[in-house]
Amino acid sequence: MDDYGEDLMSEPTDWAMLKVDSQGMEKLCRIRKSDIPPEMTTLCTMEWRYPGEDQNGMPSATARTEFDRFEDAITAIIDSQFSRLVMVTTGLNLREWAFYTSDKELFMSQFNHLMSDKPRVPIRIAFFADAAHQHWMRYRATVR
């Protein structure tokens, strides 16, 4: 395990780590290898921008600690009946969590409940229709 949040791996064999070249810089990608239920057709991305110019776009130790606290807080929606975390990317001054959900309203209700007693975090949440799981499959196809 390194400092980029790989402790979230519920089953070590269910996750793979990739290094992805993007814009001439490296991004780290933790990706779920197992299938997700077909009814989870909505992609949810959570983006957290951080300063990282002096570290080639990678987060500082302080930022990684904040990410870990955030991930600990949302553990209940990482692998639930209505949502799955499928990918986490880090690099280019951005940490992004990608989930698929079968129920956007329930997902947000649970997320807000889990975060209700936590400090606010600077994330941007967006939802996209992705019934074929294309966002995730682009990366997963490279995992053996």
C-alpha atoms as a PDB file:
ATOM      1  CA  MET A   1       0.000   0.000   0.000  1.00  0.00           C
ATOM      2  CA  ASP A   2       1.299   3.475  -0.840  1.00  0.00           C
ATOM      3  CA  ASP A   3       0.230   7.008   0.042  1.00  0.00           C
ATOM      4  CA  TYR A   4      -2.420   7.437  -2.656  1.00  0.00           C
ATOM      5  CA  GLY A   5      -5.367   5.841  -0.896  1.00  0.00           C
ATOM      6  CA  GLU A   6      -5.146   2.202  -1.865  1.00  0.00           C
ATOM      7  CA  ASP A   7      -6.425   1.207   1.585  1.00  0.00           C
ATOM      8  CA  LEU A   8      -9.956   1.404   0.152  1.00  0.00           C
ATOM      9  CA  MET A   9      -9.495  -1.961  -1.535  1.00  0.00           C
ATOM     10  CA  SER A  10     -12.213  -4.143  -0.052  1.00  0.00           C
ATOM     11  CA  GLU A  11     -10.757  -7.222  -1.732  1.00  0.00           C
ATOM     12  CA  PRO A  12      -7.125  -6.856  -2.782  1.00  0.00           C
ATOM     13  CA  THR A  13      -7.706  -9.081  -5.810  1.00  0.00           C
ATOM     14  CA  ASP A  14     -10.693  -7.000  -6.917  1.00  0.00           C
ATOM     15  CA  TRP A  15      -8.626  -3.878  -7.559  1.00  0.00           C
ATOM     16  CA  ALA A  16      -5.759  -3.065  -9.901  1.00  0.00           C
ATOM     17  CA  MET A  17      -3.400  -0.107 -10.041  1.00  0.00           C
ATOM     18  CA  LEU A  18      -2.554   1.548 -13.336  1.00  0.00           C
ATOM     19  CA  LYS A  19      -0.247   4.374 -14.307  1.00  0.00           C
ATOM     20  CA  VAL A  20      -1.826   6.433 -17.055  1.00  0.00           C
ATOM     21  CA  ASP A  21      -0.056   9.043 -19.160  1.00  0.00           C
ATOM     22  CA  SER A  22      -2.234  12.128 -19.483  1.00  0.00           C
ATOM     23  CA  GLN A  23      -1.118  15.442 -20.923  1.00  0.00           C
ATOM     24  CA  GLY A  24       2.489  14.299 -20.621  1.00  0.00           C
ATOM     25  CA  MET A  25       2.147  13.685 -16.880  1.00  0.00           C
ATOM     26  CA  GLU A  26       1.417  10.572 -14.872  1.00  0.00           C
ATOM     27  CA  LYS A  27      -1.869   9.756 -13.208  1.00  0.00           C
ATOM     28  CA  LEU A  28      -2.431   6.846 -10.859  1.00  0.00           C
ATOM     29  CA  CYS A  29      -5.625   4.894 -11.315  1.00  0.00           C
ATOM     30  CA  ARG A  30      -7.096   2.379  -8.907  1.00  0.00           C
ATOM     31  CA  ILE A  31      -9.727   0.391 -10.765  1.00  0.00           C
ATOM     32  CA  ARG A  32     -12.251  -2.265  -9.766  1.00  0.00           C
ATOM     33  CA  LYS A  33     -11.833  -5.422 -11.824  1.00  0.00           C
ATOM     34  CA  SER A  34     -15.094  -7.210 -11.011  1.00  0.00           C
ATOM     35  CA  ASP A  35     -18.349  -6.597 -12.817  1.00  0.00           C
ATOM     36  CA  ILE A  36     -20.934  -4.267 -11.410  1.00  0.00           C
ATOM     37  CA  PRO A  37     -24.698  -4.830 -11.488  1.00  0.00           C
ATOM     38  CA  PRO A  38     -26.237  -3.847 -14.828  1.00  0.00           C
ATOM     39  CA  GLU A  39     -28.934  -1.759 -13.128  1.00  0.00           C
ATOM     40  CA  MET A  40     -26.263   0.706 -11.987  1.00  0.00           C
ATOM     41  CA  THR A  41     -26.531   2.882 -15.075  1.00  0.00           C
ATOM     42  CA  THR A  42     -25.712   6.318 -13.710  1.00  0.00           C
ATOM     43  CA  LEU A  43     -22.100   7.450 -13.404  1.00  0.00           C
ATOM     44  CA  CYS A  44     -21.309   9.765 -10.519  1.00  0.00           C
ATOM     45  CA  THR A  45     -17.987  11.560 -10.452  1.00  0.00           C
ATOM     46  CA  MET A  46     -16.639  13.392  -7.432  1.00  0.00           C
ATOM     47  CA  GLU A  47     -13.743  15.717  -8.179  1.00  0.00           C
ATOM     48  CA  TRP A  48     -11.428  17.295  -5.627  1.00  0.00           C
ATOM     49  CA  ARG A  49      -8.886  19.752  -7.015  1.00  0.00           C
ATOM     50  CA  TYR A  50      -5.705  20.282  -5.022  1.00  0.00           C
ATOM     51  CA  PRO A  51      -2.453  22.226  -5.437  1.00  0.00           C
ATOM     52  CA  GLY A  52       0.326  20.040  -6.785  1.00  0.00           C
ATOM     53  CA  GLU A  53       2.471  22.080  -9.122  1.00  0.00           C
ATOM     54  CA  ASP A  54       5.570  21.460  -7.030  1.00  0.00           C
ATOM     55  CA  GLN A  55       4.906  17.688  -7.021  1.00  0.00           C
ATOM     56  CA  ASN A  56       4.276  17.087 -10.732  1.00  0.00           C
ATOM     57  CA  GLY A  57       0.528  17.247 -10.215  1.00  0.00           C
ATOM     58  CA  MET A  58       0.449  14.748  -7.345  1.00  0.00           C
ATOM     59  CA  PRO A  59      -1.049  15.580  -3.928  1.00  0.00           C
ATOM     60  CA  SER A  60       0.899  16.467  -0.825  1.00  0.00           C
ATOM     61  CA  ALA A  61       0.883  14.224   2.241  1.00  0.00           C
ATOM     62  CA  THR A  62      -1.631  16.603   3.841  1.00  0.00           C
ATOM     63  CA  ALA A  63      -3.991  16.314   0.858  1.00  0.00           C
ATOM     64  CA  ARG A  64      -3.683  12.512   0.873  1.00  0.00           C
ATOM     65  CA  THR A  65      -4.649  12.485   4.548  1.00  0.00           C
ATOM     66  CA  GLU A  66      -7.719  14.594   3.729  1.00  0.00           C
ATOM     67  CA  PHE A  67      -8.652  12.195   0.903  1.00  0.00           C
ATOM     68  CA  ASP A  68      -8.331   9.237   3.267  1.00  0.00           C
ATOM     69  CA  ARG A  69     -10.619  10.913   5.819  1.00  0.00           C
ATOM     70  CA  PHE A  70     -13.161  11.620   3.096  1.00  0.00           C
ATOM     71  CA  GLU A  71     -13.041   8.022   1.842  1.00  0.00           C
ATOM     72  CA  ASP A  72     -13.408   6.711   5.398  1.00  0.00           C
ATOM     73  CA  ALA A  73     -16.507   8.891   5.801  1.00  0.00           C
ATOM     74  CA  ILE A  74     -18.212   7.547   2.671  1.00  0.00           C
ATOM     75  CA  THR A  75     -17.390   3.865   3.162  1.00  0.00           C
ATOM     76  CA  ALA A  76     -21.094   2.917   3.260  1.00  0.00           C
ATOM     77  CA  ILE A  77     -21.644   3.931  -0.390  1.00  0.00           C
ATOM     78  CA  ILE A  78     -18.448   2.405  -1.795  1.00  0.00           C
ATOM     79  CA  ASP A  79     -19.965  -1.050  -2.157  1.00  0.00           C
ATOM     80  CA  SER A  80     -23.702  -0.977  -1.465  1.00  0.00           C
ATOM     81  CA  GLN A  81     -26.871  -2.381  -3.011  1.00  0.00           C
ATOM     82  CA  PHE A  82     -27.350   0.873  -4.926  1.00  0.00           C
ATOM     83  CA  SER A  83     -23.786   2.038  -5.665  1.00  0.00           C
ATOM     84  CA  ARG A  84     -20.245   0.872  -6.411  1.00  0.00           C
ATOM     85  CA  LEU A  85     -16.984   2.748  -6.417  1.00  0.00           C
ATOM     86  CA  VAL A  86     -15.301   1.619  -9.629  1.00  0.00           C
ATOM     87  CA  MET A  87     -12.298   3.893 -10.033  1.00  0.00           C
ATOM     88  CA  VAL A  88     -10.171   6.476  -8.263  1.00  0.00           C
ATOM     89  CA  THR A  89      -7.698   8.569 -10.243  1.00  0.00           C
ATOM     90  CA  THR A  90      -5.019  10.841  -8.821  1.00  0.00           C
ATOM     91  CA  GLY A  91      -2.866  13.272 -10.758  1.00  0.00           C
ATOM     92  CA  LEU A  92      -2.874  16.552 -12.670  1.00  0.00           C
ATOM     93  CA  ASN A  93      -3.943  18.300  -9.439  1.00  0.00           C
ATOM     94  CA  LEU A  94      -7.163  16.287  -9.286  1.00  0.00           C
ATOM     95  CA  ARG A  95      -8.469  13.319  -7.295  1.00  0.00           C
ATOM     96  CA  GLU A  96     -11.565  11.807  -8.876  1.00  0.00           C
ATOM     97  CA  TRP A  97     -13.800   9.076  -7.509  1.00  0.00           C
ATOM     98  CA  ALA A  98     -16.076   7.354 -10.038  1.00  0.00           C
ATOM     99  CA  PHE A  99     -19.154   5.497  -8.845  1.00  0.00           C
ATOM    100  CA  TYR A 100     -22.048   3.821 -10.590  1.00  0.00           C
ATOM    101  CA  THR A 101     -25.452   3.970  -8.981  1.00  0.00           C
ATOM    102  CA  SER A 102     -28.918   2.637  -9.639  1.00  0.00           C
ATOM    103  CA  ASP A 103     -30.578   5.447  -7.686  1.00  0.00           C
ATOM    104  CA  LYS A 104     -29.158   8.976  -7.885  1.00  0.00           C
ATOM    105  CA  GLU A 105     -31.492  10.368  -5.210  1.00  0.00           C
ATOM    106  CA  LEU A 106     -30.729   7.596  -2.733  1.00  0.00           C
ATOM    107  CA  PHE A 107     -27.015   7.942  -3.467  1.00  0.00           C
ATOM    108  CA  MET A 108     -27.076  11.680  -2.718  1.00  0.00           C
ATOM    109  CA  SER A 109     -29.286  11.207   0.332  1.00  0.00           C
ATOM    110  CA  GLN A 110     -26.852   8.658   1.767  1.00  0.00           C
ATOM    111  CA  PHE A 111     -23.836  10.761   0.814  1.00  0.00           C
ATOM    112  CA  ASN A 112     -25.291  13.845   2.506  1.00  0.00           C
ATOM    113  CA  HIS A 113     -26.168  11.803   5.586  1.00  0.00           C
ATOM    114  CA  LEU A 114     -22.643  10.349   5.799  1.00  0.00           C
ATOM    115  CA  MET A 115     -21.076  13.787   5.431  1.00  0.00           C
ATOM    116  CA  SER A 116     -23.542  15.678   7.642  1.00  0.00           C
ATOM    117  CA  ASP A 117     -21.283  15.729  10.699  1.00  0.00           C
ATOM    118  CA  LYS A 118     -17.997  16.045   8.779  1.00  0.00           C
ATOM    119  CA  PRO A 119     -16.136  19.172   7.699  1.00  0.00           C
ATOM    120  CA  ARG A 120     -17.117  20.402   4.243  1.00  0.00           C
ATOM    121  CA  VAL A 121     -14.822  19.229   1.480  1.00  0.00           C
ATOM    122  CA  PRO A 122     -14.140  20.984  -1.837  1.00  0.00           C
ATOM    123  CA  ILE A 123     -15.677  18.426  -4.167  1.00  0.00           C
ATOM    124  CA  ARG A 124     -17.677  18.816  -7.353  1.00  0.00           C
ATOM    125  CA  ILE A 125     -20.288  16.106  -7.923  1.00  0.00           C
ATOM    126  CA  ALA A 126     -21.705  15.332 -11.360  1.00  0.00           C
ATOM    127  CA  PHE A 127     -23.998  12.622 -12.738  1.00  0.00           C
ATOM    128  CA  PHE A 128     -24.062  11.168 -16.242  1.00  0.00           C
ATOM    129  CA  ALA A 129     -26.127   8.487 -17.977  1.00  0.00           C
ATOM    130  CA  ASP A 130     -23.743   5.606 -18.746  1.00  0.00           C
ATOM    131  CA  ALA A 131     -25.719   2.358 -19.023  1.00  0.00           C
ATOM    132  CA  ALA A 132     -22.845   0.631 -20.871  1.00  0.00           C
ATOM    133  CA  HIS A 133     -20.330   1.671 -18.184  1.00  0.00           C
ATOM    134  CA  GLN A 134     -18.092   3.183 -20.878  1.00  0.00           C
ATOM    135  CA  HIS A 135     -16.246   5.570 -18.562  1.00  0.00           C
ATOM    136  CA  TRP A 136     -15.052   2.664 -16.411  1.00  0.00           C
ATOM    137  CA  MET A 137     -14.648   0.103 -19.210  1.00  0.00           C
ATOM    138  CA  ARG A 138     -12.120   2.322 -21.035  1.00  0.00           C
ATOM    139  CA  TYR A 139      -9.682   1.763 -18.189  1.00  0.00           C
ATOM    140  CA  ARG A 140     -10.821  -1.682 -17.120  1.00  0.00           C
ATOM    141  CA  ALA A 141     -10.077  -3.072 -20.585  1.00  0.00           C
ATOM    142  CA  THR A 142      -6.357  -2.530 -19.886  1.00  0.00           C
ATOM    143  CA  VAL A 143      -6.453  -4.584 -16.668  1.00  0.00           C
ATOM    144  CA  ARG A 144      -5.725  -8.304 -16.852  1.00  0.00           C
END
